[in-house]
mmCIF file of all heavy atoms, coordinates in Angstrom:
data_MODEL
# 
_entry.id   MODEL 
# 
loop_
_atom_site.group_PDB 
_atom_site.id 
_atom_site.type_symbol 
_atom_site.label_atom_id 
_atom_site.label_alt_id 
_atom_site.label_comp_id 
_atom_site.label_asym_id 
_atom_site.label_entity_id 
_atom_site.label_seq_id 
_atom_site.pdbx_PDB_ins_code 
_atom_site.Cartn_x 
_atom_site.Cartn_y 
_atom_site.Cartn_z 
_atom_site.occupancy 
_atom_site.B_iso_or_equiv 
_atom_site.pdbx_formal_charge 
_atom_site.auth_seq_id 
_atom_site.auth_comp_id 
_atom_site.auth_asym_id 
_atom_site.auth_atom_id 
_atom_site.pdbx_PDB_model_num 
ATOM 1   N N   . ILE A 1 1  ? 0.856   -1.175  0.000   1.00 0.00 ? 1  ILE A N   1 
ATOM 2   C CA  . ILE A 1 1  ? 0.000   0.000   0.000   1.00 0.00 ? 1  ILE A CA  1 
ATOM 3   C C   . ILE A 1 1  ? 0.897   1.232   0.000   1.00 0.00 ? 1  ILE A C   1 
ATOM 4   O O   . ILE A 1 1  ? 2.045   1.167   0.455   1.00 0.00 ? 1  ILE A O   1 
ATOM 5   C CB  . ILE A 1 1  ? -0.957  -0.009  1.218   1.00 0.00 ? 1  ILE A CB  1 
ATOM 6   C CG1 . ILE A 1 1  ? -2.134  0.946   1.018   1.00 0.00 ? 1  ILE A CG1 1 
ATOM 7   C CG2 . ILE A 1 1  ? -0.215  0.293   2.516   1.00 0.00 ? 1  ILE A CG2 1 
ATOM 8   C CD1 . ILE A 1 1  ? -3.253  0.757   2.051   1.00 0.00 ? 1  ILE A CD1 1 
ATOM 9   N N   . SER A 1 2  ? 0.400   2.343   -0.531  1.00 0.00 ? 2  SER A N   1 
ATOM 10  C CA  . SER A 1 2  ? 1.193   3.574   -0.527  1.00 0.00 ? 2  SER A CA  1 
ATOM 11  C C   . SER A 1 2  ? 0.310   4.771   -0.226  1.00 0.00 ? 2  SER A C   1 
ATOM 12  O O   . SER A 1 2  ? -0.905  4.737   -0.433  1.00 0.00 ? 2  SER A O   1 
ATOM 13  C CB  . SER A 1 2  ? 1.898   3.774   -1.874  1.00 0.00 ? 2  SER A CB  1 
ATOM 14  O OG  . SER A 1 2  ? 0.952   4.029   -2.908  1.00 0.00 ? 2  SER A OG  1 
ATOM 15  N N   . TYR A 1 3  ? 0.951   5.833   0.272   1.00 0.00 ? 3  TYR A N   1 
ATOM 16  C CA  . TYR A 1 3  ? 0.243   7.050   0.681   1.00 0.00 ? 3  TYR A CA  1 
ATOM 17  C C   . TYR A 1 3  ? 1.044   8.290   0.303   1.00 0.00 ? 3  TYR A C   1 
ATOM 18  O O   . TYR A 1 3  ? 2.274   8.229   0.122   1.00 0.00 ? 3  TYR A O   1 
ATOM 19  C CB  . TYR A 1 3  ? 0.034   7.079   2.205   1.00 0.00 ? 3  TYR A CB  1 
ATOM 20  C CG  . TYR A 1 3  ? -0.896  6.031   2.729   1.00 0.00 ? 3  TYR A CG  1 
ATOM 21  C CD1 . TYR A 1 3  ? -0.405  4.772   3.098   1.00 0.00 ? 3  TYR A CD1 1 
ATOM 22  C CD2 . TYR A 1 3  ? -2.259  6.272   2.871   1.00 0.00 ? 3  TYR A CD2 1 
ATOM 23  C CE1 . TYR A 1 3  ? -1.249  3.789   3.591   1.00 0.00 ? 3  TYR A CE1 1 
ATOM 24  C CE2 . TYR A 1 3  ? -3.116  5.290   3.368   1.00 0.00 ? 3  TYR A CE2 1 
ATOM 25  C CZ  . TYR A 1 3  ? -2.605  4.063   3.725   1.00 0.00 ? 3  TYR A CZ  1 
ATOM 26  O OH  . TYR A 1 3  ? -3.450  3.090   4.215   1.00 0.00 ? 3  TYR A OH  1 
ATOM 27  N N   . ALA A 1 4  ? 0.336   9.411   0.235   1.00 0.00 ? 4  ALA A N   1 
ATOM 28  C CA  . ALA A 1 4  ? 0.956   10.740  0.159   1.00 0.00 ? 4  ALA A CA  1 
ATOM 29  C C   . ALA A 1 4  ? 0.690   11.452  1.476   1.00 0.00 ? 4  ALA A C   1 
ATOM 30  O O   . ALA A 1 4  ? -0.391  11.299  2.068   1.00 0.00 ? 4  ALA A O   1 
ATOM 31  C CB  . ALA A 1 4  ? 0.364   11.546  -1.000  1.00 0.00 ? 4  ALA A CB  1 
ATOM 32  N N   . ILE A 1 5  ? 1.645   12.235  1.943   1.00 0.00 ? 5  ILE A N   1 
ATOM 33  C CA  . ILE A 1 5  ? 1.479   12.932  3.212   1.00 0.00 ? 5  ILE A CA  1 
ATOM 34  C C   . ILE A 1 5  ? 0.280   13.882  3.143   1.00 0.00 ? 5  ILE A C   1 
ATOM 35  O O   . ILE A 1 5  ? 0.077   14.596  2.164   1.00 0.00 ? 5  ILE A O   1 
ATOM 36  C CB  . ILE A 1 5  ? 2.758   13.705  3.612   1.00 0.00 ? 5  ILE A CB  1 
ATOM 37  C CG1 . ILE A 1 5  ? 2.617   14.279  5.034   1.00 0.00 ? 5  ILE A CG1 1 
ATOM 38  C CG2 . ILE A 1 5  ? 3.111   14.781  2.592   1.00 0.00 ? 5  ILE A CG2 1 
ATOM 39  C CD1 . ILE A 1 5  ? 3.922   14.826  5.604   1.00 0.00 ? 5  ILE A CD1 1 
ATOM 40  N N   . GLY A 1 6  ? -0.538  13.816  4.181   1.00 0.00 ? 6  GLY A N   1 
ATOM 41  C CA  . GLY A 1 6  ? -1.687  14.697  4.284   1.00 0.00 ? 6  GLY A CA  1 
ATOM 42  C C   . GLY A 1 6  ? -2.915  14.241  3.516   1.00 0.00 ? 6  GLY A C   1 
ATOM 43  O O   . GLY A 1 6  ? -3.965  14.876  3.593   1.00 0.00 ? 6  GLY A O   1 
ATOM 44  N N   . VAL A 1 7  ? -2.821  13.119  2.780   1.00 0.00 ? 7  VAL A N   1 
ATOM 45  C CA  . VAL A 1 7  ? -3.933  12.619  1.963   1.00 0.00 ? 7  VAL A CA  1 
ATOM 46  C C   . VAL A 1 7  ? -4.461  11.332  2.585   1.00 0.00 ? 7  VAL A C   1 
ATOM 47  O O   . VAL A 1 7  ? -3.683  10.434  2.922   1.00 0.00 ? 7  VAL A O   1 
ATOM 48  C CB  . VAL A 1 7  ? -3.488  12.372  0.502   1.00 0.00 ? 7  VAL A CB  1 
ATOM 49  C CG1 . VAL A 1 7  ? -4.646  11.843  -0.333  1.00 0.00 ? 7  VAL A CG1 1 
ATOM 50  C CG2 . VAL A 1 7  ? -2.922  13.649  -0.107  1.00 0.00 ? 7  VAL A CG2 1 
ATOM 51  N N   . ALA A 1 8  ? -5.772  11.222  2.723   1.00 0.00 ? 8  ALA A N   1 
ATOM 52  C CA  . ALA A 1 8  ? -6.362  10.075  3.410   1.00 0.00 ? 8  ALA A CA  1 
ATOM 53  C C   . ALA A 1 8  ? -6.386  8.811   2.553   1.00 0.00 ? 8  ALA A C   1 
ATOM 54  O O   . ALA A 1 8  ? -6.081  7.716   3.031   1.00 0.00 ? 8  ALA A O   1 
ATOM 55  C CB  . ALA A 1 8  ? -7.771  10.415  3.874   1.00 0.00 ? 8  ALA A CB  1 
ATOM 56  N N   . THR A 1 9  ? -6.763  8.952   1.289   1.00 0.00 ? 9  THR A N   1 
ATOM 57  C CA  . THR A 1 9  ? -6.944  7.786   0.428   1.00 0.00 ? 9  THR A CA  1 
ATOM 58  C C   . THR A 1 9  ? -5.595  7.244   -0.043  1.00 0.00 ? 9  THR A C   1 
ATOM 59  O O   . THR A 1 9  ? -4.736  8.019   -0.486  1.00 0.00 ? 9  THR A O   1 
ATOM 60  C CB  . THR A 1 9  ? -7.791  8.154   -0.797  1.00 0.00 ? 9  THR A CB  1 
ATOM 61  O OG1 . THR A 1 9  ? -9.017  8.729   -0.362  1.00 0.00 ? 9  THR A OG1 1 
ATOM 62  C CG2 . THR A 1 9  ? -8.094  6.925   -1.642  1.00 0.00 ? 9  THR A CG2 1 
ATOM 63  N N   . PRO A 1 10 ? -5.382  5.932   0.016   1.00 0.00 ? 10 PRO A N   1 
ATOM 64  C CA  . PRO A 1 10 ? -4.122  5.372   -0.485  1.00 0.00 ? 10 PRO A CA  1 
ATOM 65  C C   . PRO A 1 10 ? -3.905  5.713   -1.950  1.00 0.00 ? 10 PRO A C   1 
ATOM 66  O O   . PRO A 1 10 ? -4.861  5.805   -2.733  1.00 0.00 ? 10 PRO A O   1 
ATOM 67  C CB  . PRO A 1 10 ? -4.302  3.862   -0.293  1.00 0.00 ? 10 PRO A CB  1 
ATOM 68  C CG  . PRO A 1 10 ? -5.360  3.718   0.745   1.00 0.00 ? 10 PRO A CG  1 
ATOM 69  C CD  . PRO A 1 10 ? -6.272  4.887   0.578   1.00 0.00 ? 10 PRO A CD  1 
ATOM 70  N N   . THR A 1 11 ? -2.657  5.890   -2.341  1.00 0.00 ? 11 THR A N   1 
ATOM 71  C CA  . THR A 1 11 ? -2.352  6.160   -3.744  1.00 0.00 ? 11 THR A CA  1 
ATOM 72  C C   . THR A 1 11 ? -2.244  4.877   -4.565  1.00 0.00 ? 11 THR A C   1 
ATOM 73  O O   . THR A 1 11 ? -2.311  4.923   -5.799  1.00 0.00 ? 11 THR A O   1 
ATOM 74  C CB  . THR A 1 11 ? -1.043  6.957   -3.878  1.00 0.00 ? 11 THR A CB  1 
ATOM 75  O OG1 . THR A 1 11 ? 0.000   6.284   -3.163  1.00 0.00 ? 11 THR A OG1 1 
ATOM 76  C CG2 . THR A 1 11 ? -1.206  8.359   -3.297  1.00 0.00 ? 11 THR A CG2 1 
ATOM 77  N N   . SER A 1 12 ? -2.050  3.732   -3.894  1.00 0.00 ? 12 SER A N   1 
ATOM 78  C CA  . SER A 1 12 ? -2.040  2.449   -4.600  1.00 0.00 ? 12 SER A CA  1 
ATOM 79  C C   . SER A 1 12 ? -2.289  1.318   -3.616  1.00 0.00 ? 12 SER A C   1 
ATOM 80  O O   . SER A 1 12 ? -2.094  1.463   -2.407  1.00 0.00 ? 12 SER A O   1 
ATOM 81  C CB  . SER A 1 12 ? -0.703  2.220   -5.323  1.00 0.00 ? 12 SER A CB  1 
ATOM 82  O OG  . SER A 1 12 ? 0.348   2.047   -4.393  1.00 0.00 ? 12 SER A OG  1 
ATOM 83  N N   . PHE A 1 13 ? -2.727  0.170   -4.168  1.00 0.00 ? 13 PHE A N   1 
ATOM 84  C CA  . PHE A 1 13 ? -2.937  -1.040  -3.367  1.00 0.00 ? 13 PHE A CA  1 
ATOM 85  C C   . PHE A 1 13 ? -2.697  -2.230  -4.285  1.00 0.00 ? 13 PHE A C   1 
ATOM 86  O O   . PHE A 1 13 ? -3.314  -2.351  -5.339  1.00 0.00 ? 13 PHE A O   1 
ATOM 87  C CB  . PHE A 1 13 ? -4.372  -1.080  -2.818  1.00 0.00 ? 13 PHE A CB  1 
ATOM 88  C CG  . PHE A 1 13 ? -4.594  -2.166  -1.797  1.00 0.00 ? 13 PHE A CG  1 
ATOM 89  C CD1 . PHE A 1 13 ? -4.286  -1.953  -0.460  1.00 0.00 ? 13 PHE A CD1 1 
ATOM 90  C CD2 . PHE A 1 13 ? -5.088  -3.402  -2.171  1.00 0.00 ? 13 PHE A CD2 1 
ATOM 91  C CE1 . PHE A 1 13 ? -4.476  -2.950  0.491   1.00 0.00 ? 13 PHE A CE1 1 
ATOM 92  C CE2 . PHE A 1 13 ? -5.286  -4.413  -1.227  1.00 0.00 ? 13 PHE A CE2 1 
ATOM 93  C CZ  . PHE A 1 13 ? -4.973  -4.177  0.107   1.00 0.00 ? 13 PHE A CZ  1 
ATOM 94  N N   . TYR A 1 14 ? -1.774  -3.115  -3.871  1.00 0.00 ? 14 TYR A N   1 
ATOM 95  C CA  . TYR A 1 14 ? -1.321  -4.218  -4.722  1.00 0.00 ? 14 TYR A CA  1 
ATOM 96  C C   . TYR A 1 14 ? -1.351  -5.527  -3.948  1.00 0.00 ? 14 TYR A C   1 
ATOM 97  O O   . TYR A 1 14 ? -0.967  -5.576  -2.778  1.00 0.00 ? 14 TYR A O   1 
ATOM 98  C CB  . TYR A 1 14 ? 0.110   -3.921  -5.195  1.00 0.00 ? 14 TYR A CB  1 
ATOM 99  C CG  . TYR A 1 14 ? 0.863   -5.087  -5.792  1.00 0.00 ? 14 TYR A CG  1 
ATOM 100 C CD1 . TYR A 1 14 ? 0.636   -5.502  -7.096  1.00 0.00 ? 14 TYR A CD1 1 
ATOM 101 C CD2 . TYR A 1 14 ? 1.841   -5.757  -5.047  1.00 0.00 ? 14 TYR A CD2 1 
ATOM 102 C CE1 . TYR A 1 14 ? 1.355   -6.558  -7.649  1.00 0.00 ? 14 TYR A CE1 1 
ATOM 103 C CE2 . TYR A 1 14 ? 2.565   -6.818  -5.589  1.00 0.00 ? 14 TYR A CE2 1 
ATOM 104 C CZ  . TYR A 1 14 ? 2.315   -7.213  -6.891  1.00 0.00 ? 14 TYR A CZ  1 
ATOM 105 O OH  . TYR A 1 14 ? 3.014   -8.251  -7.434  1.00 0.00 ? 14 TYR A OH  1 
ATOM 106 N N   . VAL A 1 15 ? -1.790  -6.601  -4.613  1.00 0.00 ? 15 VAL A N   1 
ATOM 107 C CA  . VAL A 1 15 ? -1.855  -7.935  -3.997  1.00 0.00 ? 15 VAL A CA  1 
ATOM 108 C C   . VAL A 1 15 ? -1.110  -8.930  -4.879  1.00 0.00 ? 15 VAL A C   1 
ATOM 109 O O   . VAL A 1 15 ? -1.334  -9.001  -6.093  1.00 0.00 ? 15 VAL A O   1 
ATOM 110 C CB  . VAL A 1 15 ? -3.306  -8.405  -3.814  1.00 0.00 ? 15 VAL A CB  1 
ATOM 111 C CG1 . VAL A 1 15 ? -3.344  -9.839  -3.261  1.00 0.00 ? 15 VAL A CG1 1 
ATOM 112 C CG2 . VAL A 1 15 ? -4.077  -7.469  -2.896  1.00 0.00 ? 15 VAL A CG2 1 
ATOM 113 N N   . ASP A 1 16 ? -0.223  -9.718  -4.271  1.00 0.00 ? 16 ASP A N   1 
ATOM 114 C CA  . ASP A 1 16 ? 0.500   -10.791 -4.955  1.00 0.00 ? 16 ASP A CA  1 
ATOM 115 C C   . ASP A 1 16 ? 0.207   -12.096 -4.226  1.00 0.00 ? 16 ASP A C   1 
ATOM 116 O O   . ASP A 1 16 ? 0.506   -12.225 -3.034  1.00 0.00 ? 16 ASP A O   1 
ATOM 117 C CB  . ASP A 1 16 ? 2.000   -10.499 -4.937  1.00 0.00 ? 16 ASP A CB  1 
ATOM 118 C CG  . ASP A 1 16 ? 2.817   -11.523 -5.721  1.00 0.00 ? 16 ASP A CG  1 
ATOM 119 O OD1 . ASP A 1 16 ? 2.246   -12.518 -6.215  1.00 0.00 ? 16 ASP A OD1 1 
ATOM 120 O OD2 . ASP A 1 16 ? 4.050   -11.330 -5.849  1.00 0.00 ? 16 ASP A OD2 1 
ATOM 121 N N   . LEU A 1 17 ? -0.382  -13.057 -4.941  1.00 0.00 ? 17 LEU A N   1 
ATOM 122 C CA  . LEU A 1 17 ? -0.711  -14.359 -4.353  1.00 0.00 ? 17 LEU A CA  1 
ATOM 123 C C   . LEU A 1 17 ? 0.324   -15.425 -4.713  1.00 0.00 ? 17 LEU A C   1 
ATOM 124 O O   . LEU A 1 17 ? 0.098   -16.612 -4.464  1.00 0.00 ? 17 LEU A O   1 
ATOM 125 C CB  . LEU A 1 17 ? -2.106  -14.804 -4.802  1.00 0.00 ? 17 LEU A CB  1 
ATOM 126 C CG  . LEU A 1 17 ? -3.258  -13.868 -4.418  1.00 0.00 ? 17 LEU A CG  1 
ATOM 127 C CD1 . LEU A 1 17 ? -4.583  -14.433 -4.910  1.00 0.00 ? 17 LEU A CD1 1 
ATOM 128 C CD2 . LEU A 1 17 ? -3.298  -13.635 -2.908  1.00 0.00 ? 17 LEU A CD2 1 
ATOM 129 N N   . HIS A 1 18 ? 1.412   -15.024 -5.302  1.00 0.00 ? 18 HIS A N   1 
ATOM 130 C CA  . HIS A 1 18 ? 2.551   -15.908 -5.571  1.00 0.00 ? 18 HIS A CA  1 
ATOM 131 C C   . HIS A 1 18 ? 2.144   -17.159 -6.351  1.00 0.00 ? 18 HIS A C   1 
ATOM 132 O O   . HIS A 1 18 ? 2.543   -18.281 -6.014  1.00 0.00 ? 18 HIS A O   1 
ATOM 133 C CB  . HIS A 1 18 ? 3.258   -16.282 -4.266  1.00 0.00 ? 18 HIS A CB  1 
ATOM 134 C CG  . HIS A 1 18 ? 3.785   -15.093 -3.530  1.00 0.00 ? 18 HIS A CG  1 
ATOM 135 N ND1 . HIS A 1 18 ? 5.039   -14.563 -3.744  1.00 0.00 ? 18 HIS A ND1 1 
ATOM 136 C CD2 . HIS A 1 18 ? 3.204   -14.290 -2.589  1.00 0.00 ? 18 HIS A CD2 1 
ATOM 137 C CE1 . HIS A 1 18 ? 5.216   -13.515 -2.965  1.00 0.00 ? 18 HIS A CE1 1 
ATOM 138 N NE2 . HIS A 1 18 ? 4.119   -13.312 -2.256  1.00 0.00 ? 18 HIS A NE2 1 
ATOM 139 N N   . GLY A 1 19 ? 1.339   -16.947 -7.380  1.00 0.00 ? 19 GLY A N   1 
ATOM 140 C CA  . GLY A 1 19 ? 0.983   -18.034 -8.283  1.00 0.00 ? 19 GLY A CA  1 
ATOM 141 C C   . GLY A 1 19 ? -0.309  -18.756 -7.974  1.00 0.00 ? 19 GLY A C   1 
ATOM 142 O O   . GLY A 1 19 ? -0.762  -19.574 -8.781  1.00 0.00 ? 19 GLY A O   1 
ATOM 143 N N   . ALA A 1 20 ? -0.918  -18.495 -6.836  1.00 0.00 ? 20 ALA A N   1 
ATOM 144 C CA  . ALA A 1 20 ? -2.192  -19.155 -6.512  1.00 0.00 ? 20 ALA A CA  1 
ATOM 145 C C   . ALA A 1 20 ? -3.268  -18.709 -7.502  1.00 0.00 ? 20 ALA A C   1 
ATOM 146 O O   . ALA A 1 20 ? -3.336  -17.534 -7.889  1.00 0.00 ? 20 ALA A O   1 
ATOM 147 C CB  . ALA A 1 20 ? -2.621  -18.818 -5.096  1.00 0.00 ? 20 ALA A CB  1 
ATOM 148 N N   . ASP A 1 21 ? -4.114  -19.655 -7.926  1.00 0.00 ? 21 ASP A N   1 
ATOM 149 C CA  . ASP A 1 21 ? -5.142  -19.334 -8.926  1.00 0.00 ? 21 ASP A CA  1 
ATOM 150 C C   . ASP A 1 21 ? -6.557  -19.484 -8.384  1.00 0.00 ? 21 ASP A C   1 
ATOM 151 O O   . ASP A 1 21 ? -7.515  -19.636 -9.139  1.00 0.00 ? 21 ASP A O   1 
ATOM 152 C CB  . ASP A 1 21 ? -4.958  -20.201 -10.168 1.00 0.00 ? 21 ASP A CB  1 
ATOM 153 C CG  . ASP A 1 21 ? -5.036  -21.703 -9.865  1.00 0.00 ? 21 ASP A CG  1 
ATOM 154 O OD1 . ASP A 1 21 ? -5.281  -22.066 -8.694  1.00 0.00 ? 21 ASP A OD1 1 
ATOM 155 O OD2 . ASP A 1 21 ? -4.842  -22.508 -10.795 1.00 0.00 ? 21 ASP A OD2 1 
ATOM 156 N N   . THR A 1 22 ? -6.698  -19.438 -7.065  1.00 0.00 ? 22 THR A N   1 
ATOM 157 C CA  . THR A 1 22 ? -8.026  -19.584 -6.457  1.00 0.00 ? 22 THR A CA  1 
ATOM 158 C C   . THR A 1 22 ? -8.886  -18.348 -6.653  1.00 0.00 ? 22 THR A C   1 
ATOM 159 O O   . THR A 1 22 ? -10.116 -18.428 -6.618  1.00 0.00 ? 22 THR A O   1 
ATOM 160 C CB  . THR A 1 22 ? -7.890  -19.857 -4.952  1.00 0.00 ? 22 THR A CB  1 
ATOM 161 O OG1 . THR A 1 22 ? -7.043  -18.852 -4.379  1.00 0.00 ? 22 THR A OG1 1 
ATOM 162 C CG2 . THR A 1 22 ? -7.299  -21.228 -4.688  1.00 0.00 ? 22 THR A CG2 1 
ATOM 163 N N   . ILE A 1 23 ? -8.257  -17.197 -6.818  1.00 0.00 ? 23 ILE A N   1 
ATOM 164 C CA  . ILE A 1 23 ? -8.986  -15.949 -6.982  1.00 0.00 ? 23 ILE A CA  1 
ATOM 165 C C   . ILE A 1 23 ? -8.092  -14.958 -7.723  1.00 0.00 ? 23 ILE A C   1 
ATOM 166 O O   . ILE A 1 23 ? -6.862  -15.018 -7.618  1.00 0.00 ? 23 ILE A O   1 
ATOM 167 C CB  . ILE A 1 23 ? -9.408  -15.375 -5.605  1.00 0.00 ? 23 ILE A CB  1 
ATOM 168 C CG1 . ILE A 1 23 ? -10.367 -14.190 -5.766  1.00 0.00 ? 23 ILE A CG1 1 
ATOM 169 C CG2 . ILE A 1 23 ? -8.194  -15.003 -4.768  1.00 0.00 ? 23 ILE A CG2 1 
ATOM 170 C CD1 . ILE A 1 23 ? -11.000 -13.744 -4.454  1.00 0.00 ? 23 ILE A CD1 1 
ATOM 171 N N   . ASP A 1 24 ? -8.696  -14.071 -8.466  1.00 0.00 ? 24 ASP A N   1 
ATOM 172 C CA  . ASP A 1 24 ? -7.951  -13.050 -9.193  1.00 0.00 ? 24 ASP A CA  1 
ATOM 173 C C   . ASP A 1 24 ? -7.431  -12.000 -8.203  1.00 0.00 ? 24 ASP A C   1 
ATOM 174 O O   . ASP A 1 24 ? -8.223  -11.388 -7.483  1.00 0.00 ? 24 ASP A O   1 
ATOM 175 C CB  . ASP A 1 24 ? -8.882  -12.389 -10.217 1.00 0.00 ? 24 ASP A CB  1 
ATOM 176 C CG  . ASP A 1 24 ? -8.161  -11.374 -11.102 1.00 0.00 ? 24 ASP A CG  1 
ATOM 177 O OD1 . ASP A 1 24 ? -6.979  -11.087 -10.848 1.00 0.00 ? 24 ASP A OD1 1 
ATOM 178 O OD2 . ASP A 1 24 ? -8.811  -10.853 -12.031 1.00 0.00 ? 24 ASP A OD2 1 
ATOM 179 N N   . PRO A 1 25 ? -6.125  -11.777 -8.156  1.00 0.00 ? 25 PRO A N   1 
ATOM 180 C CA  . PRO A 1 25 ? -5.599  -10.753 -7.237  1.00 0.00 ? 25 PRO A CA  1 
ATOM 181 C C   . PRO A 1 25 ? -6.228  -9.373  -7.457  1.00 0.00 ? 25 PRO A C   1 
ATOM 182 O O   . PRO A 1 25 ? -6.382  -8.609  -6.508  1.00 0.00 ? 25 PRO A O   1 
ATOM 183 C CB  . PRO A 1 25 ? -4.097  -10.730 -7.544  1.00 0.00 ? 25 PRO A CB  1 
ATOM 184 C CG  . PRO A 1 25 ? -3.802  -12.071 -8.114  1.00 0.00 ? 25 PRO A CG  1 
ATOM 185 C CD  . PRO A 1 25 ? -5.035  -12.471 -8.868  1.00 0.00 ? 25 PRO A CD  1 
ATOM 186 N N   . ALA A 1 26 ? -6.580  -9.082  -8.701  1.00 0.00 ? 26 ALA A N   1 
ATOM 187 C CA  . ALA A 1 26 ? -7.201  -7.784  -8.985  1.00 0.00 ? 26 ALA A CA  1 
ATOM 188 C C   . ALA A 1 26 ? -8.531  -7.630  -8.246  1.00 0.00 ? 26 ALA A C   1 
ATOM 189 O O   . ALA A 1 26 ? -8.904  -6.514  -7.855  1.00 0.00 ? 26 ALA A O   1 
ATOM 190 C CB  . ALA A 1 26 ? -7.419  -7.620  -10.493 1.00 0.00 ? 26 ALA A CB  1 
ATOM 191 N N   . LYS A 1 27 ? -9.235  -8.735  -8.054  1.00 0.00 ? 27 LYS A N   1 
ATOM 192 C CA  . LYS A 1 27 ? -10.485 -8.695  -7.298  1.00 0.00 ? 27 LYS A CA  1 
ATOM 193 C C   . LYS A 1 27 ? -10.205 -8.349  -5.838  1.00 0.00 ? 27 LYS A C   1 
ATOM 194 O O   . LYS A 1 27 ? -10.906 -7.530  -5.229  1.00 0.00 ? 27 LYS A O   1 
ATOM 195 C CB  . LYS A 1 27 ? -11.200 -10.039 -7.405  1.00 0.00 ? 27 LYS A CB  1 
ATOM 196 C CG  . LYS A 1 27 ? -12.575 -10.070 -6.751  1.00 0.00 ? 27 LYS A CG  1 
ATOM 197 C CD  . LYS A 1 27 ? -13.263 -11.404 -6.990  1.00 0.00 ? 27 LYS A CD  1 
ATOM 198 C CE  . LYS A 1 27 ? -14.665 -11.413 -6.393  1.00 0.00 ? 27 LYS A CE  1 
ATOM 199 N NZ  . LYS A 1 27 ? -15.348 -12.732 -6.641  1.00 0.00 ? 27 LYS A NZ  1 
# 
């Protein structure tokens, strides 16, 4: 996750499941 100082909403959010195919990481 990433942030900018003074801003509430994250600037990014990333998920890595290391090859698992049970669910789409984008979901």
